[in-house]
PDB file of N, CA and C in Angstrom:
ATOM      1  N   UNK A   1      19.865-168.957  13.765  1.00  0.00           N
ATOM      2  CA  UNK A   1      19.325-170.332  14.024  1.00  0.00           C
ATOM      3  C   UNK A   1      18.178-170.042  14.965  1.00  0.00           C
ATOM      4  N   UNK A   2      17.103-170.470  14.592  1.00  0.00           N
ATOM      5  CA  UNK A   2      15.581-170.611  15.605  1.00  0.00           C
ATOM      6  C   UNK A   2      16.128-171.907  16.793  1.00  0.00           C
ATOM      7  N   UNK A   3      15.771-171.359  17.931  1.00  0.00           N
ATOM      8  CA  UNK A   3      15.611-171.997  19.134  1.00  0.00           C
ATOM      9  C   UNK A   3      14.789-172.824  19.281  1.00  0.00           C
ATOM     10  N   UNK A   4      15.072-174.221  19.243  1.00  0.00           N
ATOM     11  CA  UNK A   4      13.944-175.340  19.561  1.00  0.00           C
ATOM     12  C   UNK A   4      12.991-175.165  20.796  1.00  0.00           C
ATOM     13  N   UNK A   5      13.831-174.519  21.783  1.00  0.00           N
ATOM     14  CA  UNK A   5      12.986-174.886  22.927  1.00  0.00           C
ATOM     15  C   UNK A   5      12.231-173.494  23.087  1.00  0.00           C
ATOM     16  N   UNK A   6      12.034-172.727  22.147  1.00  0.00           N
ATOM     17  CA  UNK A   6      11.497-171.479  22.156  1.00  0.00           C
ATOM     18  C   UNK A   6      10.014-171.787  21.309  1.00  0.00           C
ATOM     19  N   UNK A   7       8.952-171.633  22.065  1.00  0.00           N
ATOM     20  CA  UNK A   7       7.591-172.207  21.362  1.00  0.00           C
ATOM     21  C   UNK A   7       6.997-170.938  20.732  1.00  0.00           C
ATOM     22  N   UNK A   8       6.290-170.984  19.331  1.00  0.00           N
ATOM     23  CA  UNK A   8       6.107-170.020  18.796  1.00  0.00           C
ATOM     24  C   UNK A   8       4.718-169.988  18.460  1.00  0.00           C
ATOM     25  N   UNK A   9       3.765-169.139  18.790  1.00  0.00           N
ATOM     26  CA  UNK A   9       2.245-169.218  18.544  1.00  0.00           C
ATOM     27  C   UNK A   9       1.865-169.526  17.349  1.00  0.00           C
ATOM     28  N   UNK A  10       0.936-170.822  17.038  1.00  0.00           N
ATOM     29  CA  UNK A  10       0.202-170.814  15.711  1.00  0.00           C
ATOM     30  C   UNK A  10       1.223-171.619  14.560  1.00  0.00           C
ATOM     31  N   UNK A  11       2.261-171.912  14.956  1.00  0.00           N
ATOM     32  CA  UNK A  11       3.330-172.614  14.180  1.00  0.00           C
ATOM     33  C   UNK A  11       3.948-173.734  15.057  1.00  0.00           C
ATOM     34  N   UNK A  12       3.802-175.089  14.748  1.00  0.00           N
ATOM     35  CA  UNK A  12       4.542-176.224  15.048  1.00  0.00           C
ATOM     36  C   UNK A  12       5.755-176.345  14.762  1.00  0.00           C
ATOM     37  N   UNK A  13       6.255-176.777  15.684  1.00  0.00           N
ATOM     38  CA  UNK A  13       7.820-177.390  15.564  1.00  0.00           C
ATOM     39  C   UNK A  13       8.135-177.797  14.141  1.00  0.00           C
ATOM     40  N   UNK A  14       7.448-178.822  13.846  1.00  0.00           N
ATOM     41  CA  UNK A  14       7.476-179.677  12.796  1.00  0.00           C
ATOM     42  C   UNK A  14       7.280-178.585  11.518  1.00  0.00           C
ATOM     43  N   UNK A  15       6.848-177.861  11.483  1.00  0.00           N
ATOM     44  CA  UNK A  15       6.537-177.060  10.470  1.00  0.00           C
ATOM     45  C   UNK A  15       7.826-176.038  10.414  1.00  0.00           C
ATOM     46  N   UNK A  16       8.145-175.560  11.398  1.00  0.00           N
ATOM     47  CA  UNK A  16       9.439-174.669  11.544  1.00  0.00           C
ATOM     48  C   UNK A  16      10.662-175.625  10.871  1.00  0.00           C
ATOM     49  N   UNK A  17      10.702-176.732  11.513  1.00  0.00           N
ATOM     50  CA  UNK A  17      11.933-177.694  10.837  1.00  0.00           C
ATOM     51  C   UNK A  17      11.833-177.943   9.668  1.00  0.00           C
ATOM     52  N   UNK A  18      10.443-178.090   8.855  1.00  0.00           N
ATOM     53  CA  UNK A  18      10.623-178.291   7.439  1.00  0.00           C
ATOM     54  C   UNK A  18      10.913-176.908   6.905  1.00  0.00           C
ATOM     55  N   UNK A  19      10.784-175.897   7.112  1.00  0.00           N
ATOM     56  CA  UNK A  19      11.137-174.539   6.457  1.00  0.00           C
ATOM     57  C   UNK A  19      12.493-174.887   6.613  1.00  0.00           C
ATOM     58  N   UNK A  20      13.190-174.827   7.802  1.00  0.00           N
ATOM     59  CA  UNK A  20      14.523-174.392   8.335  1.00  0.00           C
ATOM     60  C   UNK A  20      15.347-175.524   7.302  1.00  0.00           C
ATOM     61  N   UNK A  21      15.015-176.688   6.779  1.00  0.00           N
ATOM     62  CA  UNK A  21      15.607-177.733   6.300  1.00  0.00           C
ATOM     63  C   UNK A  21      15.095-177.593   4.762  1.00  0.00           C
ATOM     64  N   UNK A  22      14.545-176.504   4.437  1.00  0.00           N
ATOM     65  CA  UNK A  22      13.699-176.547   3.000  1.00  0.00           C
ATOM     66  C   UNK A  22      14.920-176.275   2.101  1.00  0.00           C
ATOM     67  N   UNK A  23      15.025-176.466   0.719  1.00  0.00           N
ATOM     68  CA  UNK A  23      15.823-176.051  -0.210  1.00  0.00           C
ATOM     69  C   UNK A  23      16.061-174.834  -0.612  1.00  0.00           C
ATOM     70  N   UNK A  24      14.496-174.042  -0.469  1.00  0.00           N
ATOM     71  CA  UNK A  24      14.635-172.537  -0.523  1.00  0.00           C
ATOM     72  C   UNK A  24      15.320-172.018   0.379  1.00  0.00           C
ATOM     73  N   UNK A  25      15.388-172.454   1.692  1.00  0.00           N
ATOM     74  CA  UNK A  25      16.203-171.444   2.997  1.00  0.00           C
ATOM     75  C   UNK A  25      17.814-171.913   2.643  1.00  0.00           C
ATOM     76  N   UNK A  26      18.010-173.303   2.103  1.00  0.00           N
ATOM     77  CA  UNK A  26      19.615-173.640   1.641  1.00  0.00           C
ATOM     78  C   UNK A  26      19.914-172.638   0.744  1.00  0.00           C
ATOM     79  N   UNK A  27      19.185-172.437  -0.353  1.00  0.00           N
ATOM     80  CA  UNK A  27      19.644-171.575  -1.446  1.00  0.00           C
ATOM     81  C   UNK A  27      19.912-170.011  -0.788  1.00  0.00           C
ATOM     82  N   UNK A  28      19.143-169.520  -0.121  1.00  0.00           N
ATOM     83  CA  UNK A  28      19.198-168.342   0.317  1.00  0.00           C
ATOM     84  C   UNK A  28      20.627-168.173   1.330  1.00  0.00           C
ATOM     85  N   UNK A  29      20.447-169.017   2.062  1.00  0.00           N
ATOM     86  CA  UNK A  29      21.706-169.280   3.068  1.00  0.00           C
ATOM     87  C   UNK A  29      23.136-169.273   2.144  1.00  0.00           C
ATOM     88  N   UNK A  30      22.962-170.100   1.137  1.00  0.00           N
ATOM     89  CA  UNK A  30      24.444-170.296   0.325  1.00  0.00           C
ATOM     90  C   UNK A  30      24.333-169.019  -0.529  1.00  0.00           C
ATOM     91  N   UNK A  31      23.702-168.438  -1.187  1.00  0.00           N
ATOM     92  CA  UNK A  31      23.787-167.124  -1.735  1.00  0.00           C
ATOM     93  C   UNK A  31      24.590-166.210  -1.148  1.00  0.00           C
ATOM     94  N   UNK A  32      24.042-166.051   0.349  1.00  0.00           N
ATOM     95  CA  UNK A  32      24.534-164.751   1.393  1.00  0.00           C
ATOM     96  C   UNK A  32      25.822-165.489   1.405  1.00  0.00           C
ATOM     97  N   UNK A  33      26.386-166.757   1.867  1.00  0.00           N
ATOM     98  CA  UNK A  33      27.751-167.255   2.082  1.00  0.00           C
ATOM     99  C   UNK A  33      28.519-166.646   0.991  1.00  0.00           C
ATOM    100  N   UNK A  34      27.856-167.028  -0.278  1.00  0.00           N
ATOM    101  CA  UNK A  34      29.017-166.267  -1.505  1.00  0.00           C
ATOM    102  C   UNK A  34      29.144-165.155  -1.501  1.00  0.00           C
ATOM    103  N   UNK A  35      28.011-164.161  -1.088  1.00  0.00           N
ATOM    104  CA  UNK A  35      28.360-162.667  -0.917  1.00  0.00           C
ATOM    105  C   UNK A  35      29.527-162.530   0.089  1.00  0.00           C
ATOM    106  N   UNK A  36      29.431-162.979   1.308  1.00  0.00           N
ATOM    107  CA  UNK A  36      30.328-162.758   2.326  1.00  0.00           C
ATOM    108  C   UNK A  36      31.686-163.146   1.690  1.00  0.00           C
ATOM    109  N   UNK A  37      31.764-164.752   1.127  1.00  0.00           N
ATOM    110  CA  UNK A  37      33.078-164.932   0.429  1.00  0.00           C
ATOM    111  C   UNK A  37      33.654-163.633  -0.470  1.00  0.00           C
ATOM    112  N   UNK A  38      32.688-162.948  -1.251  1.00  0.00           N
ATOM    113  CA  UNK A  38      33.195-162.016  -2.465  1.00  0.00           C
ATOM    114  C   UNK A  38      33.587-160.781  -1.470  1.00  0.00           C
ATOM    115  N   UNK A  39      33.149-160.273  -0.529  1.00  0.00           N
ATOM    116  CA  UNK A  39      33.441-159.184   0.296  1.00  0.00           C
ATOM    117  C   UNK A  39      34.903-159.386   0.822  1.00  0.00           C
ATOM    118  N   UNK A  40      35.148-160.815   1.584  1.00  0.00           N
ATOM    119  CA  UNK A  40      36.068-161.255   2.199  1.00  0.00           C
ATOM    120  C   UNK A  40      37.534-161.118   1.436  1.00  0.00           C
ATOM    121  N   UNK A  41      37.355-161.670  -0.024  1.00  0.00           N
ATOM    122  CA  UNK A  41      38.172-161.893  -1.005  1.00  0.00           C
ATOM    123  C   UNK A  41      38.608-160.247  -1.216  1.00  0.00           C
ATOM    124  N   UNK A  42      37.331-159.458  -1.368  1.00  0.00           N
ATOM    125  CA  UNK A  42      37.787-158.064  -1.697  1.00  0.00           C
ATOM    126  C   UNK A  42      38.627-157.023  -0.850  1.00  0.00           C
ATOM    127  N   UNK A  43      38.822-157.629   0.204  1.00  0.00           N
ATOM    128  CA  UNK A  43      39.513-156.589   1.266  1.00  0.00           C
ATOM    129  C   UNK A  43      40.868-157.516   1.687  1.00  0.00           C
ATOM    130  N   UNK A  44      40.859-158.914   1.397  1.00  0.00           N
ATOM    131  CA  UNK A  44      42.208-159.263   1.648  1.00  0.00           C
ATOM    132  C   UNK A  44      43.319-158.944   0.903  1.00  0.00           C
ATOM    133  N   UNK A  45      44.471-158.709   1.735  1.00  0.00           N
ATOM    134  CA  UNK A  45      45.433-158.579   1.386  1.00  0.00           C
ATOM    135  C   UNK A  45      46.274-159.266   0.313  1.00  0.00           C
ATOM    136  N   UNK A  46      46.858-158.659  -0.678  1.00  0.00           N
ATOM    137  CA  UNK A  46      47.737-159.201  -1.681  1.00  0.00           C
ATOM    138  C   UNK A  46      49.045-158.939  -1.832  1.00  0.00           C
ATOM    139  N   UNK A  47      49.955-159.742  -1.772  1.00  0.00           N
ATOM    140  CA  UNK A  47      51.355-159.227  -1.859  1.00  0.00           C
ATOM    141  C   UNK A  47      51.461-158.257  -3.273  1.00  0.00           C
ATOM    142  N   UNK A  48      52.408-157.195  -3.260  1.00  0.00           N
ATOM    143  CA  UNK A  48      52.582-156.268  -4.482  1.00  0.00           C
ATOM    144  C   UNK A  48      54.272-155.861  -4.416  1.00  0.00           C
ATOM    145  N   UNK A  49      55.002-156.362  -5.000  1.00  0.00           N
ATOM    146  CA  UNK A  49      56.377-156.154  -5.012  1.00  0.00           C
ATOM    147  C   UNK A  49      56.470-154.552  -5.256  1.00  0.00           C
ATOM    148  N   UNK A  50      55.952-153.935  -5.593  1.00  0.00           N
ATOM    149  CA  UNK A  50      55.874-152.371  -6.234  1.00  0.00           C
ATOM    150  C   UNK A  50      55.535-151.431  -4.659  1.00  0.00           C
ATOM    151  N   UNK A  51      54.900-151.989  -3.832  1.00  0.00           N
ATOM    152  CA  UNK A  51      54.420-151.391  -2.751  1.00  0.00           C
ATOM    153  C   UNK A  51      55.667-150.950  -1.711  1.00  0.00           C
ATOM    154  N   UNK A  52      55.727-149.663  -1.618  1.00  0.00           N
ATOM    155  CA  UNK A  52      57.035-149.285  -1.122  1.00  0.00           C
ATOM    156  C   UNK A  52      56.931-149.940   0.567  1.00  0.00           C
ATOM    157  N   UNK A  53      55.980-150.326   0.829  1.00  0.00           N
ATOM    158  CA  UNK A  53      56.341-151.043   2.356  1.00  0.00           C
ATOM    159  C   UNK A  53      56.919-152.308   2.303  1.00  0.00           C
ATOM    160  N   UNK A  54      56.873-153.003   1.274  1.00  0.00           N
ATOM    161  CA  UNK A  54      57.522-154.343   1.094  1.00  0.00           C
ATOM    162  C   UNK A  54      58.776-154.186   1.046  1.00  0.00           C
ATOM    163  N   UNK A  55      59.567-155.281   1.867  1.00  0.00           N
ATOM    164  CA  UNK A  55      60.830-155.375   2.027  1.00  0.00           C
ATOM    165  C   UNK A  55      61.418-156.592   1.258  1.00  0.00           C
ATOM    166  N   UNK A  56      60.538-156.953   0.155  1.00  0.00           N
ATOM    167  CA  UNK A  56      61.254-158.204  -0.448  1.00  0.00           C
ATOM    168  C   UNK A  56      60.412-158.041  -2.116  1.00  0.00           C
ATOM    169  N   UNK A  57      61.249-158.838  -3.032  1.00  0.00           N
ATOM    170  CA  UNK A  57      60.573-158.879  -4.286  1.00  0.00           C
ATOM    171  C   UNK A  57      59.281-159.437  -4.166  1.00  0.00           C
ATOM    172  N   UNK A  58      59.454-160.644  -3.484  1.00  0.00           N
ATOM    173  CA  UNK A  58      58.359-162.070  -3.771  1.00  0.00           C
ATOM    174  C   UNK A  58      57.899-162.460  -2.510  1.00  0.00           C
ATOM    175  N   UNK A  59      56.676-162.861  -2.588  1.00  0.00           N
ATOM    176  CA  UNK A  59      56.374-163.244  -1.130  1.00  0.00           C
ATOM    177  C   UNK A  59      57.130-164.377  -0.354  1.00  0.00           C
ATOM    178  N   UNK A  60      57.476-164.315   0.714  1.00  0.00           N
ATOM    179  CA  UNK A  60      58.248-165.417   1.482  1.00  0.00           C
ATOM    180  C   UNK A  60      57.800-166.676   1.320  1.00  0.00           C
ATOM    181  N   UNK A  61      56.713-166.791   1.002  1.00  0.00           N
ATOM    182  CA  UNK A  61      56.049-168.360   0.449  1.00  0.00           C
ATOM    183  C   UNK A  61      54.828-168.365  -0.084  1.00  0.00           C
ATOM    184  N   UNK A  62      54.637-169.340  -0.949  1.00  0.00           N
ATOM    185  CA  UNK A  62      53.307-169.220  -1.632  1.00  0.00           C
ATOM    186  C   UNK A  62      53.605-168.072  -2.733  1.00  0.00           C
ATOM    187  N   UNK A  63      52.272-167.629  -3.473  1.00  0.00           N
ATOM    188  CA  UNK A  63      52.230-166.760  -4.745  1.00  0.00           C
ATOM    189  C   UNK A  63      51.387-165.684  -4.060  1.00  0.00           C
ATOM    190  N   UNK A  64      51.548-164.686  -4.721  1.00  0.00           N
ATOM    191  CA  UNK A  64      50.737-163.433  -4.707  1.00  0.00           C
ATOM    192  C   UNK A  64      49.246-163.807  -4.741  1.00  0.00           C
ATOM    193  N   UNK A  65      48.454-163.678  -3.781  1.00  0.00           N
ATOM    194  CA  UNK A  65      47.157-163.684  -3.879  1.00  0.00           C
ATOM    195  C   UNK A  65      46.775-165.281  -3.198  1.00  0.00           C
ATOM    196  N   UNK A  66      47.603-165.990  -2.774  1.00  0.00           N
ATOM    197  CA  UNK A  66      46.989-167.101  -2.155  1.00  0.00           C
ATOM    198  C   UNK A  66      45.851-167.321  -0.812  1.00  0.00           C
ATOM    199  N   UNK A  67      46.381-166.199  -0.351  1.00  0.00           N
ATOM    200  CA  UNK A  67      45.243-165.888   0.999  1.00  0.00           C
ATOM    201  C   UNK A  67      44.086-165.596   0.429  1.00  0.00           C
ATOM    202  N   UNK A  68      43.960-164.742  -0.503  1.00  0.00           N
ATOM    203  CA  UNK A  68      42.722-164.214  -0.911  1.00  0.00           C
ATOM    204  C   UNK A  68      41.892-165.286  -1.862  1.00  0.00           C
ATOM    205  N   UNK A  69      42.749-166.185  -2.441  1.00  0.00           N
ATOM    206  CA  UNK A  69      42.068-167.205  -3.049  1.00  0.00           C
ATOM    207  C   UNK A  69      41.589-168.670  -2.328  1.00  0.00           C
ATOM    208  N   UNK A  70      42.348-168.460  -1.170  1.00  0.00           N
ATOM    209  CA  UNK A  70      41.878-169.729  -0.298  1.00  0.00           C
ATOM    210  C   UNK A  70      40.615-169.381   0.527  1.00  0.00           C
ATOM    211  N   UNK A  71      39.793-168.450   0.133  1.00  0.00           N
ATOM    212  CA  UNK A  71      38.838-168.211   0.795  1.00  0.00           C
ATOM    213  C   UNK A  71      37.721-168.966   0.170  1.00  0.00           C
ATOM    214  N   UNK A  72      37.095-169.994   1.138  1.00  0.00           N
ATOM    215  CA  UNK A  72      36.014-170.821   0.490  1.00  0.00           C
ATOM    216  C   UNK A  72      34.802-170.967   1.164  1.00  0.00           C
ATOM    217  N   UNK A  73      33.834-171.499   0.500  1.00  0.00           N
ATOM    218  CA  UNK A  73      32.251-171.738   1.108  1.00  0.00           C
ATOM    219  C   UNK A  73      32.423-172.771   1.112  1.00  0.00           C
ATOM    220  N   UNK A  74      31.810-173.283   2.607  1.00  0.00           N
ATOM    221  CA  UNK A  74      31.704-174.948   2.762  1.00  0.00           C
ATOM    222  C   UNK A  74      30.413-175.082   3.265  1.00  0.00           C
ATOM    223  N   UNK A  75      29.811-175.987   3.004  1.00  0.00           N
ATOM    224  CA  UNK A  75      28.447-176.666   3.317  1.00  0.00           C
ATOM    225  C   UNK A  75      28.586-177.523   4.398  1.00  0.00           C
ATOM    226  N   UNK A  76      28.109-176.842   5.600  1.00  0.00           N
ATOM    227  CA  UNK A  76      28.210-177.758   7.316  1.00  0.00           C
ATOM    228  C   UNK A  76      26.897-178.053   7.756  1.00  0.00           C
ATOM    229  N   UNK A  77      26.044-178.418   7.243  1.00  0.00           N
ATOM    230  CA  UNK A  77      24.454-178.246   6.927  1.00  0.00           C
ATOM    231  C   UNK A  77      24.613-179.942   8.160  1.00  0.00           C
ATOM    232  N   UNK A  78      23.996-179.845   9.365  1.00  0.00           N
ATOM    233  CA  UNK A  78      23.787-180.838  10.355  1.00  0.00           C
ATOM    234  C   UNK A  78      22.182-180.950  10.617  1.00  0.00           C
ATOM    235  N   UNK A  79      21.950-181.947  11.783  1.00  0.00           N
ATOM    236  CA  UNK A  79      20.660-182.376  12.007  1.00  0.00           C
ATOM    237  C   UNK A  79      20.252-180.874  12.639  1.00  0.00           C
ATOM    238  N   UNK A  80      20.779-180.191  13.190  1.00  0.00           N
ATOM    239  CA  UNK A  80      19.893-178.699  13.555  1.00  0.00           C
ATOM    240  C   UNK A  80      19.738-177.825  12.577  1.00  0.00           C
ATOM    241  N   UNK A  81      20.259-177.883  11.393  1.00  0.00           N
ATOM    242  CA  UNK A  81      19.717-176.929  10.366  1.00  0.00           C
ATOM    243  C   UNK A  81      20.741-176.747   9.294  1.00  0.00           C
ATOM    244  N   UNK A  82      20.322-175.927   8.653  1.00  0.00           N
ATOM    245  CA  UNK A  82      21.316-175.365   7.095  1.00  0.00           C
ATOM    246  C   UNK A  82      22.495-174.672   7.681  1.00  0.00           C
ATOM    247  N   UNK A  83      23.691-174.781   7.490  1.00  0.00           N
ATOM    248  CA  UNK A  83      24.712-174.130   7.800  1.00  0.00           C
ATOM    249  C   UNK A  83      25.820-173.839   6.314  1.00  0.00           C
ATOM    250  N   UNK A  84      26.339-172.840   6.266  1.00  0.00           N
ATOM    251  CA  UNK A  84      27.493-172.580   5.219  1.00  0.00           C
ATOM    252  C   UNK A  84      28.356-171.889   5.784  1.00  0.00           C
ATOM    253  N   UNK A  85      29.917-172.182   5.863  1.00  0.00           N
ATOM    254  CA  UNK A  85      30.722-171.513   6.565  1.00  0.00           C
ATOM    255  C   UNK A  85      31.743-171.063   5.305  1.00  0.00           C
ATOM    256  N   UNK A  86      31.933-169.798   5.461  1.00  0.00           N
ATOM    257  CA  UNK A  86      33.332-168.892   5.118  1.00  0.00           C
ATOM    258  C   UNK A  86      34.245-168.848   5.747  1.00  0.00           C
ATOM    259  N   UNK A  87      35.285-169.566   5.202  1.00  0.00           N
ATOM    260  CA  UNK A  87      36.776-169.249   5.820  1.00  0.00           C
ATOM    261  C   UNK A  87      37.734-169.374   4.912  1.00  0.00           C
ATOM    262  N   UNK A  88      39.105-168.685   5.442  1.00  0.00           N
ATOM    263  CA  UNK A  88      40.295-168.876   4.678  1.00  0.00           C
ATOM    264  C   UNK A  88      40.825-170.416   5.034  1.00  0.00           C
ATOM    265  N   UNK A  89      41.578-171.156   3.852  1.00  0.00           N
ATOM    266  CA  UNK A  89      42.507-172.490   4.104  1.00  0.00           C
ATOM    267  C   UNK A  89      43.863-172.140   4.065  1.00  0.00           C
ATOM    268  N   UNK A  90      44.271-171.207   3.624  1.00  0.00           N
ATOM    269  CA  UNK A  90      45.702-170.709   3.363  1.00  0.00           C
ATOM    270  C   UNK A  90      46.378-170.904   4.619  1.00  0.00           C
ATOM    271  N   UNK A  91      47.624-171.671   4.916  1.00  0.00           N
ATOM    272  CA  UNK A  91      48.293-171.452   5.786  1.00  0.00           C
ATOM    273  C   UNK A  91      48.737-170.379   7.053  1.00  0.00           C
ATOM    274  N   UNK A  92      48.744-169.288   6.000  1.00  0.00           N
ATOM    275  CA  UNK A  92      49.225-167.939   6.390  1.00  0.00           C
ATOM    276  C   UNK A  92      48.115-167.295   7.312  1.00  0.00           C
ATOM    277  N   UNK A  93      46.847-167.513   6.879  1.00  0.00           N
ATOM    278  CA  UNK A  93      45.759-167.073   7.141  1.00  0.00           C
ATOM    279  C   UNK A  93      45.728-166.510   8.703  1.00  0.00           C
ATOM    280  N   UNK A  94      46.332-166.989   9.870  1.00  0.00           N
ATOM    281  CA  UNK A  94      46.445-166.671  11.252  1.00  0.00           C
ATOM    282  C   UNK A  94      47.420-165.652  11.419  1.00  0.00           C
ATOM    283  N   UNK A  95      48.526-165.779  10.384  1.00  0.00           N
ATOM    284  CA  UNK A  95      49.745-164.306  10.609  1.00  0.00           C
ATOM    285  C   UNK A  95      48.875-163.085  10.116  1.00  0.00           C
ATOM    286  N   UNK A  96      48.167-163.550   8.721  1.00  0.00           N
ATOM    287  CA  UNK A  96      47.580-162.461   8.078  1.00  0.00           C
ATOM    288  C   UNK A  96      46.784-161.648   9.019  1.00  0.00           C
ATOM    289  N   UNK A  97      45.685-162.344   9.903  1.00  0.00           N
ATOM    290  CA  UNK A  97      44.557-161.876  10.569  1.00  0.00           C
ATOM    291  C   UNK A  97      45.318-161.309  11.899  1.00  0.00           C
ATOM    292  N   UNK A  98      46.239-161.731  12.608  1.00  0.00           N
ATOM    293  CA  UNK A  98      46.608-161.295  13.725  1.00  0.00           C
ATOM    294  C   UNK A  98      48.089-160.726  13.771  1.00  0.00           C
ATOM    295  N   UNK A  99      48.684-160.870  12.701  1.00  0.00           N
ATOM    296  CA  UNK A  99      49.979-160.011  12.485  1.00  0.00           C
ATOM    297  C   UNK A  99      51.160-160.738  13.029  1.00  0.00           C
ATOM    298  N   UNK A 100      52.399-160.489  12.351  1.00  0.00           N
ATOM    299  CA  UNK A 100      53.763-161.150  13.069  1.00  0.00           C
ATOM    300  C   UNK A 100      54.566-159.859  13.327  1.00  0.00           C
ATOM    301  N   UNK A 101      55.757-160.148  13.906  1.00  0.00           N
ATOM    302  CA  UNK A 101      56.645-158.958  14.079  1.00  0.00           C
ATOM    303  C   UNK A 101      56.828-158.173  12.642  1.00  0.00           C
ATOM    304  N   UNK A 102      56.991-158.794  11.805  1.00  0.00           N
ATOM    305  CA  UNK A 102      57.033-158.313  10.456  1.00  0.00           C
ATOM    306  C   UNK A 102      56.100-157.501   9.603  1.00  0.00           C
ATOM    307  N   UNK A 103      54.887-158.121   9.902  1.00  0.00           N
ATOM    308  CA  UNK A 103      53.703-157.707   9.269  1.00  0.00           C
ATOM    309  C   UNK A 103      52.523-157.338  10.147  1.00  0.00           C
ATOM    310  N   UNK A 104      52.078-156.416  10.145  1.00  0.00           N
ATOM    311  CA  UNK A 104      50.682-155.800  10.720  1.00  0.00           C
ATOM    312  C   UNK A 104      49.757-156.464  10.450  1.00  0.00           C
ATOM    313  N   UNK A 105      48.955-156.339  11.716  1.00  0.00           N
ATOM    314  CA  UNK A 105      47.863-157.611  11.806  1.00  0.00           C
ATOM    315  C   UNK A 105      46.639-156.608  10.575  1.00  0.00           C
ATOM    316  N   UNK A 106      45.704-157.348   9.886  1.00  0.00           N
ATOM    317  CA  UNK A 106      44.805-157.036   8.913  1.00  0.00           C
ATOM    318  C   UNK A 106      43.204-157.426   9.753  1.00  0.00           C
ATOM    319  N   UNK A 107      43.377-158.143  10.757  1.00  0.00           N
ATOM    320  CA  UNK A 107      41.783-158.355  11.369  1.00  0.00           C
ATOM    321  C   UNK A 107      40.784-158.100  10.153  1.00  0.00           C
ATOM    322  N   UNK A 108      40.800-159.295   9.323  1.00  0.00           N
ATOM    323  CA  UNK A 108      39.668-159.446   8.478  1.00  0.00           C
ATOM    324  C   UNK A 108      38.508-159.840   8.937  1.00  0.00           C
ATOM    325  N   UNK A 109      38.526-160.725  10.082  1.00  0.00           N
ATOM    326  CA  UNK A 109      37.309-161.502  10.372  1.00  0.00           C
ATOM    327  C   UNK A 109      36.348-160.450  11.204  1.00  0.00           C
ATOM    328  N   UNK A 110      36.773-159.329  11.905  1.00  0.00           N
ATOM    329  CA  UNK A 110      36.087-158.453  12.492  1.00  0.00           C
ATOM    330  C   UNK A 110      35.330-157.743  11.496  1.00  0.00           C
ATOM    331  N   UNK A 111      36.157-157.493  10.264  1.00  0.00           N
ATOM    332  CA  UNK A 111      35.575-156.566   9.411  1.00  0.00           C
ATOM    333  C   UNK A 111      34.469-157.281   8.551  1.00  0.00           C
ATOM    334  N   UNK A 112      34.683-158.730   8.539  1.00  0.00           N
ATOM    335  CA  UNK A 112      33.590-159.311   7.650  1.00  0.00           C
ATOM    336  C   UNK A 112      32.089-159.555   8.695  1.00  0.00           C
ATOM    337  N   UNK A 113      32.574-159.816   9.917  1.00  0.00           N
ATOM    338  CA  UNK A 113      31.343-159.968  10.720  1.00  0.00           C
ATOM    339  C   UNK A 113      30.849-158.621  11.189  1.00  0.00           C
ATOM    340  N   UNK A 114      31.649-157.702  11.402  1.00  0.00           N
ATOM    341  CA  UNK A 114      30.609-156.119  11.410  1.00  0.00           C
ATOM    342  C   UNK A 114      29.949-156.010  10.255  1.00  0.00           C
ATOM    343  N   UNK A 115      30.073-156.614   9.110  1.00  0.00           N
ATOM    344  CA  UNK A 115      29.199-156.171   7.928  1.00  0.00           C
ATOM    345  C   UNK A 115      28.145-157.020   7.717  1.00  0.00           C
ATOM    346  N   UNK A 116      28.253-158.463   8.305  1.00  0.00           N
ATOM    347  CA  UNK A 116      27.390-159.360   7.843  1.00  0.00           C
ATOM    348  C   UNK A 116      26.741-160.028   9.036  1.00  0.00           C
ATOM    349  N   UNK A 117      26.831-159.867  10.372  1.00  0.00           N
ATOM    350  CA  UNK A 117      26.399-160.676  11.506  1.00  0.00           C
ATOM    351  C   UNK A 117      26.155-159.353  12.210  1.00  0.00           C
ATOM    352  N   UNK A 118      24.607-160.011  12.703  1.00  0.00           N
ATOM    353  CA  UNK A 118      23.966-158.681  13.717  1.00  0.00           C
ATOM    354  C   UNK A 118      24.061-159.565  15.018  1.00  0.00           C
ATOM    355  N   UNK A 119      24.214-158.265  15.592  1.00  0.00           N
ATOM    356  CA  UNK A 119      24.287-158.241  17.088  1.00  0.00           C
ATOM    357  C   UNK A 119      23.537-158.870  17.914  1.00  0.00           C
TER     358      UNK A 119
END
């Protein structure tokens, strides 16, 4: 995100705002969000009753793949600029992320951020 209080020589704030709110920028940002979603889904755990670590025949709640399938891309654009958010909506997402006494943590958010967010 471009900081509005920082002056760039040769480019007016009006020009910057026009570019940052353009359709071309929106398309590129949405494409990157879909790429992040695809990666997140590829590393998401899915219940497998044949896995020897599983101690039950079916998931305790929901269906296998509910968490993976709940990862969505949402447009949250506001007056400050174009924004797209990628996030899971399954109620078990915090349990999967941080773990429980019976389930190890998977820490998917740090993995996604390490791959796509620049320091």
